[in-house]
Protein backbone atom coordinates (compact mmCIF):
# COMPACT_ATOMS: atom_id res chain seq x y z
CA MET A 1 77.73 93.54 215.65
CA LEU A 2 81.00 94.92 214.09
CA VAL A 3 83.02 94.81 217.47
CA PHE A 4 81.56 91.34 217.92
CA LEU A 5 82.96 90.50 214.11
CA LEU A 6 86.08 91.51 215.07
CA LEU A 7 86.50 89.34 218.01
CA PHE A 8 85.54 86.22 216.73
CA ILE A 9 87.93 86.61 213.42
CA GLY A 10 90.19 87.54 215.84
CA ALA A 11 89.37 84.18 218.29
CA PHE A 12 89.34 82.23 215.02
CA SER A 13 92.49 83.34 213.69
CA GLY A 14 94.47 82.82 217.11
CA ALA A 15 92.83 79.33 217.27
CA LEU A 16 94.14 78.65 213.43
CA TYR A 17 97.59 80.33 215.13
CA PHE A 18 97.58 78.00 218.12
CA TYR A 19 97.11 75.06 216.17
CA GLN A 20 99.89 75.75 213.62
CA ASN A 21 102.23 76.34 216.36
CA ASP A 22 101.39 73.87 218.44
CA ARG A 23 104.54 71.04 218.70
CA THR A 24 102.17 67.77 219.10
CA GLN A 25 100.78 67.96 215.58
CA ARG A 26 104.15 68.12 214.44
CA SER A 27 106.45 65.23 213.64
CA ALA A 28 109.40 64.93 216.75
CA ASN A 29 112.70 63.66 214.67
CA LEU A 30 115.39 63.95 217.24
CA ILE A 31 118.48 62.18 216.83
CA PHE A 32 121.07 60.71 219.62
CA GLY A 33 124.71 59.60 219.18
CA ASP A 34 127.21 60.54 217.15
CA ASP A 35 125.61 60.09 213.05
CA LYS A 36 129.07 61.14 211.68
CA ILE A 37 130.63 57.69 212.69
CA ALA A 38 131.17 56.00 209.46
CA ASN A 39 130.88 53.10 211.00
CA ARG A 40 127.86 52.29 212.58
CA MET A 41 124.31 51.10 213.06
CA ASP A 42 120.98 53.61 212.35
CA VAL A 43 118.11 52.68 215.13
CA PHE A 44 114.92 54.47 213.90
CA VAL A 45 112.31 54.49 217.02
CA ASN A 46 108.55 55.25 215.93
CA LEU A 47 106.28 56.04 218.72
CA LEU A 48 103.09 54.37 217.43
CA SER A 49 100.92 54.83 220.37
CA VAL A 50 100.76 55.88 224.28
CA ASP A 51 97.93 54.48 226.62
CA PRO A 52 98.20 56.04 229.95
CA ILE A 53 94.82 53.75 231.15
CA LYS A 54 96.88 50.30 231.11
CA GLY A 55 100.16 52.20 231.17
CA GLU A 56 102.57 51.09 228.30
CA MET A 57 103.47 52.91 225.24
CA ASN A 58 103.90 50.90 221.78
CA ILE A 59 107.04 51.32 219.59
CA ARG A 60 108.30 50.24 216.72
CA PHE A 61 112.45 49.84 216.17
CA SER A 62 114.27 49.25 212.93
CA ALA A 63 117.81 49.15 212.58
CA LYS A 64 119.89 49.92 209.16
CA PRO A 65 123.85 49.17 208.76
CA GLU A 66 126.57 51.89 207.79
CA GLY A 67 129.93 51.43 207.05
CA THR A 68 131.51 48.47 207.26
CA TYR A 69 128.25 46.87 208.90
CA ASP A 70 126.66 47.49 205.36
CA LYS A 71 126.29 45.36 201.96
CA ASN A 72 123.52 46.91 199.62
CA ASP A 73 121.42 47.44 203.12
CA ARG A 74 122.30 44.14 204.39
CA LEU A 75 124.12 43.24 207.65
CA THR A 76 127.79 41.69 206.63
CA LYS A 77 128.18 40.67 210.35
CA GLU A 78 125.81 38.55 212.97
CA LEU A 79 124.58 41.01 215.62
CA LYS A 80 122.28 41.08 219.03
CA PHE A 81 120.14 43.86 219.19
CA PHE A 82 118.89 44.94 222.58
CA THR A 83 115.54 46.66 222.84
CA GLY A 84 114.20 46.36 226.08
CA ILE A 85 110.50 45.67 225.05
CA GLU A 86 108.31 44.14 228.01
CA SER A 87 105.65 42.31 225.44
CA GLY A 88 108.20 40.11 223.74
CA LYS A 89 111.78 39.23 222.93
CA SER A 90 113.95 41.89 224.15
CA GLU A 91 117.17 41.09 222.60
CA VAL A 92 117.18 39.78 218.89
CA THR A 93 119.31 38.57 216.53
CA LEU A 94 120.21 39.94 213.13
CA GLU A 95 121.04 37.40 210.78
CA ASN A 96 124.13 38.08 208.67
CA ASN A 97 123.65 39.06 205.43
CA ARG A 98 120.23 40.07 205.49
CA ILE A 99 118.11 42.62 205.69
CA PRO A 100 117.49 43.55 210.11
CA GLU A 101 114.29 43.05 210.73
CA THR A 102 112.13 44.91 212.74
CA VAL A 103 111.15 44.80 216.29
CA THR A 104 107.75 46.03 217.26
CA GLY A 105 106.80 46.23 221.38
CA SER A 106 105.90 48.00 224.11
CA ILE A 107 106.91 49.56 227.19
CA SER A 108 105.83 50.10 230.49
CA LEU A 109 104.61 53.27 231.58
CA ASP A 110 105.37 54.94 234.91
CA GLY A 111 102.50 57.66 236.35
CA ARG A 112 99.80 58.04 237.68
CA VAL A 113 96.90 58.63 235.27
CA SER A 114 94.41 59.52 238.21
CA ASP A 115 96.02 62.92 237.90
CA TYR A 116 93.80 63.76 234.56
CA PRO A 117 94.08 66.19 232.67
CA PHE A 118 97.25 67.02 234.39
CA ASP A 119 99.02 63.75 234.61
CA ILE A 120 102.90 62.54 233.57
CA HIS A 121 104.07 59.00 232.46
CA LYS A 122 108.11 58.47 232.43
CA SER A 123 109.53 55.61 230.86
CA ASP A 124 113.18 54.41 230.33
CA PHE A 125 114.78 51.97 228.25
CA TYR A 126 117.86 50.95 226.30
CA LEU A 127 119.36 50.22 223.30
CA SER A 128 122.73 48.30 222.50
CA PHE A 129 124.35 45.95 220.05
CA SER A 130 126.72 43.36 220.08
CA ASN A 131 128.57 41.12 218.42
CA PRO A 132 128.01 37.60 219.51
CA LYS A 133 131.50 36.20 218.35
CA ASP A 134 133.51 39.32 219.63
CA GLU A 135 131.49 41.01 222.90
CA LYS A 136 134.47 43.52 223.03
CA GLU A 137 133.77 44.88 219.35
CA GLU A 138 131.77 48.19 220.22
CA ILE A 139 128.90 49.03 217.93
CA PRO A 140 128.08 52.77 217.74
CA ILE A 141 124.80 53.88 217.84
CA SER A 142 122.95 56.23 215.76
CA LEU A 143 119.10 56.77 217.39
CA HIS A 144 116.35 58.61 215.32
CA PHE A 145 113.32 59.19 217.42
CA TYR A 146 110.28 59.87 215.95
CA GLY A 147 107.17 60.86 218.52
CA ALA A 148 103.50 62.58 217.29
CA ILE A 149 101.24 61.32 219.37
CA SER A 150 97.87 63.36 219.16
CA GLY A 151 96.71 64.35 221.93
CA TYR A 152 100.16 64.28 223.80
CA ASN A 153 103.03 65.93 224.35
CA VAL A 154 106.60 63.87 224.04
CA ASP A 155 109.73 64.58 225.20
CA VAL A 156 112.52 62.10 224.83
CA ASP A 157 116.27 62.74 226.34
CA LEU A 158 118.91 60.81 227.41
CA ILE A 159 119.18 59.58 230.63
CA PRO A 160 121.43 61.93 232.88
CA LYS A 161 124.87 60.85 233.75
CA ASN A 162 124.07 59.92 237.25
CA GLU A 163 121.69 57.24 236.84
CA PHE A 164 123.50 56.28 233.68
CA GLU A 165 126.48 56.47 231.37
CA SER A 166 125.47 56.76 227.77
CA SER A 167 127.90 55.73 225.13
CA ASN A 168 128.37 55.62 221.43
CA SER A 169 127.31 51.95 221.66
CA TYR A 170 124.66 51.60 224.26
CA LEU A 171 122.14 54.47 224.70
CA GLY A 172 119.37 55.01 227.51
CA LEU A 173 116.56 56.94 226.83
CA ARG A 174 114.03 58.71 228.99
CA VAL A 175 110.29 59.46 227.47
CA GLN A 176 108.35 61.44 229.51
CA THR A 177 104.77 61.80 227.87
CA SER A 178 101.86 63.99 229.06
CA ARG A 179 98.26 65.42 227.85
CA SER A 180 98.89 68.39 225.13
CA VAL A 181 98.21 71.74 226.01
CA ILE A 182 94.33 71.70 223.72
CA THR A 183 93.92 68.30 225.55
CA LYS A 184 94.39 70.10 228.84
CA SER A 185 92.44 73.43 227.57
CA PHE A 186 89.51 70.76 226.56
CA SER A 187 88.95 69.28 229.68
CA ILE A 188 89.05 72.51 232.09
CA PHE A 189 86.25 73.54 229.33
CA LEU A 190 84.27 70.97 230.03
CA MET A 191 84.97 70.86 233.24
CA LEU A 192 83.57 74.52 233.45
CA ALA A 193 80.72 73.82 231.67
CA MET A 194 79.92 70.82 234.06
CA TRP A 195 80.20 73.65 237.07
CA LEU A 196 78.07 75.67 235.32
CA ILE A 197 75.32 73.35 234.43
CA GLY A 198 75.08 72.51 237.83
CA LEU A 199 74.94 76.07 239.39
CA VAL A 200 72.53 77.21 236.97
CA VAL A 201 70.10 74.22 237.58
CA PHE A 202 70.45 74.19 241.34
CA THR A 203 70.07 78.40 241.28
CA MET A 204 66.63 77.92 239.13
CA SER A 205 65.49 75.50 242.08
CA MET A 206 66.43 77.85 244.63
CA VAL A 207 64.61 80.34 242.96
CA VAL A 208 61.46 78.56 242.81
CA VAL A 209 61.78 77.45 246.68
CA TRP A 210 62.12 80.71 247.92
CA GLN A 211 60.02 82.98 245.80
CA PRO A 212 56.03 82.36 244.89
CA ARG A 213 56.87 81.32 241.16
CA PRO A 214 54.93 78.52 239.73
CA ILE A 215 56.57 75.17 239.73
CA GLU A 216 56.45 73.92 235.56
CA PHE A 217 56.91 70.23 234.75
CA GLY A 218 59.89 71.04 232.49
CA MET A 219 61.81 71.57 235.44
CA PHE A 220 61.56 68.33 236.68
CA THR A 221 62.60 66.82 233.30
CA LEU A 222 65.54 69.40 232.94
CA ILE A 223 66.69 68.20 235.97
CA ALA A 224 66.25 64.24 235.45
CA GLY A 225 67.93 64.76 231.73
CA MET A 226 70.81 66.96 233.49
CA LEU A 227 71.66 64.37 236.13
CA PHE A 228 71.60 61.80 232.93
CA ALA A 229 73.78 64.07 230.63
CA LEU A 230 76.76 64.87 232.84
CA PRO A 231 78.35 61.60 233.15
CA ALA A 232 78.24 62.09 229.07
CA VAL A 233 80.02 65.43 229.35
CA ARG A 234 82.12 63.91 231.38
CA ASN A 235 82.88 60.86 229.11
CA LEU A 236 83.46 63.26 225.97
CA GLN A 237 87.14 64.24 227.79
CA PRO A 238 89.80 63.06 225.32
CA GLY A 239 91.46 59.94 227.11
CA VAL A 240 89.56 59.88 230.15
CA PRO A 241 90.37 57.22 232.42
CA PRO A 242 87.19 55.61 234.74
CA LEU A 243 85.60 57.45 237.14
CA GLY A 244 87.73 58.85 240.24
CA CYS A 245 90.50 60.63 238.13
CA LEU A 246 91.08 64.40 239.59
CA SER A 247 88.78 66.21 237.07
CA ASP A 248 86.16 64.37 238.83
CA PHE A 249 86.71 65.78 242.18
CA LEU A 250 87.56 68.86 240.57
CA ALA A 251 84.19 69.46 238.82
CA PHE A 252 82.15 66.29 237.61
CA PHE A 253 81.39 65.17 241.52
CA TRP A 254 80.21 68.14 242.33
CA ALA A 255 78.15 69.52 239.13
CA GLU A 256 76.21 65.82 239.67
CA ALA A 257 75.55 66.79 243.72
CA LEU A 258 74.34 70.16 242.73
CA VAL A 259 71.83 68.68 240.47
CA ALA A 260 70.92 65.35 242.21
CA ILE A 261 69.97 67.84 244.99
CA SER A 262 68.19 70.06 243.83
CA MET A 263 65.25 67.78 242.27
CA PRO A 264 64.29 66.73 246.29
CA PHE A 265 64.10 70.41 246.78
CA LEU A 266 62.48 71.26 243.82
CA PHE A 267 59.74 68.05 244.29
CA SER A 268 59.28 68.69 248.34
CA THR A 269 58.17 72.68 247.36
CA TRP A 270 55.78 71.00 245.05
CA LEU A 271 54.23 69.52 247.59
CA ASN A 272 54.02 71.84 249.99
CA ARG A 273 52.19 73.86 247.65
CA TYR A 274 50.23 71.95 246.39
CA LYS A 275 46.30 73.02 246.92
CA LYS A 276 43.43 70.84 246.80
CA PRO A 277 40.73 71.89 244.05
CA SER A 278 37.86 73.83 245.45
C-alpha cells in the first residue's frame, strides 16, 4: 500500500508538472517585424479558433498607429489594410482621424483531418498597409501574434525568403497547427482502451466456446452493450472528425469487429449445448 501510495503521488505530481509546462496552456506572444521603428503600424493578430474539420481558422486583426501615423490613437492619414481573410473583405480602408477598426475573418487551412490525432494543418496569410494617395510610400509593420488554443499546438513563423520576400512594409506568415500532446495522449489512451475492451470480450467468448463453461445470459447483454458503447468511447476523443479517420483504422474498427464476432460465436455455442429437459 505504501509503494502504491508513493507511485500515485509521483504520477499525480508528474501530471501537474506536465500541465504547467505544456506550451498550449500558455498564451503565445510572438513579435515579427521591427518594433524599434518610430513611424510604423502595430498589428495585433489574435487566433480565435481552429476548426480542422471545416478547414479554417478564425482570426481577429487590430491595428494601432505609432509615430507620425498616430494622433491620440487616431490615424493621421487614410490607409488601406490588406489582411487576406477569405470570409469577408480582404482589404479594408482605415479612415483618417479615426481609430482603426478591428477586422475579423477566417482563413483556410491546408491539411488532412483524416490523419487524426496526428494531423497537421498549415495556412499562409499576408499583411500590408498602403497609402492610396501615395502608392510608393512604405509603411513599416510590427506584428504581435497571440495564439493559444486549447487542444492545439500553434507555431508561427515568417514565410521563407525563397518563397516570399518579407519586408518592413509587407509580412507573410505561416501558421502551423497540430494536436497538443494532451490531445494525442488522451486519444491514444482511448484507442488502447477500445482494444482492451474488444480483446477482453473476444477472449471471454472464446474461453466459453473452447471450454465446457456455463453460458450465462449476462454475457449476451454485456456484448450487446459493448457493441453500442464503443462508438460513444470513440467520440470521447477531443475534436475527433467523422468516421473514417486514422484512429478508427488503428483501434475502433478492430475493437468493434472483435465484439461483433464474439456474439455469433457465443450464440452458436449456446445452441449446440442446449439440451431438452428430461
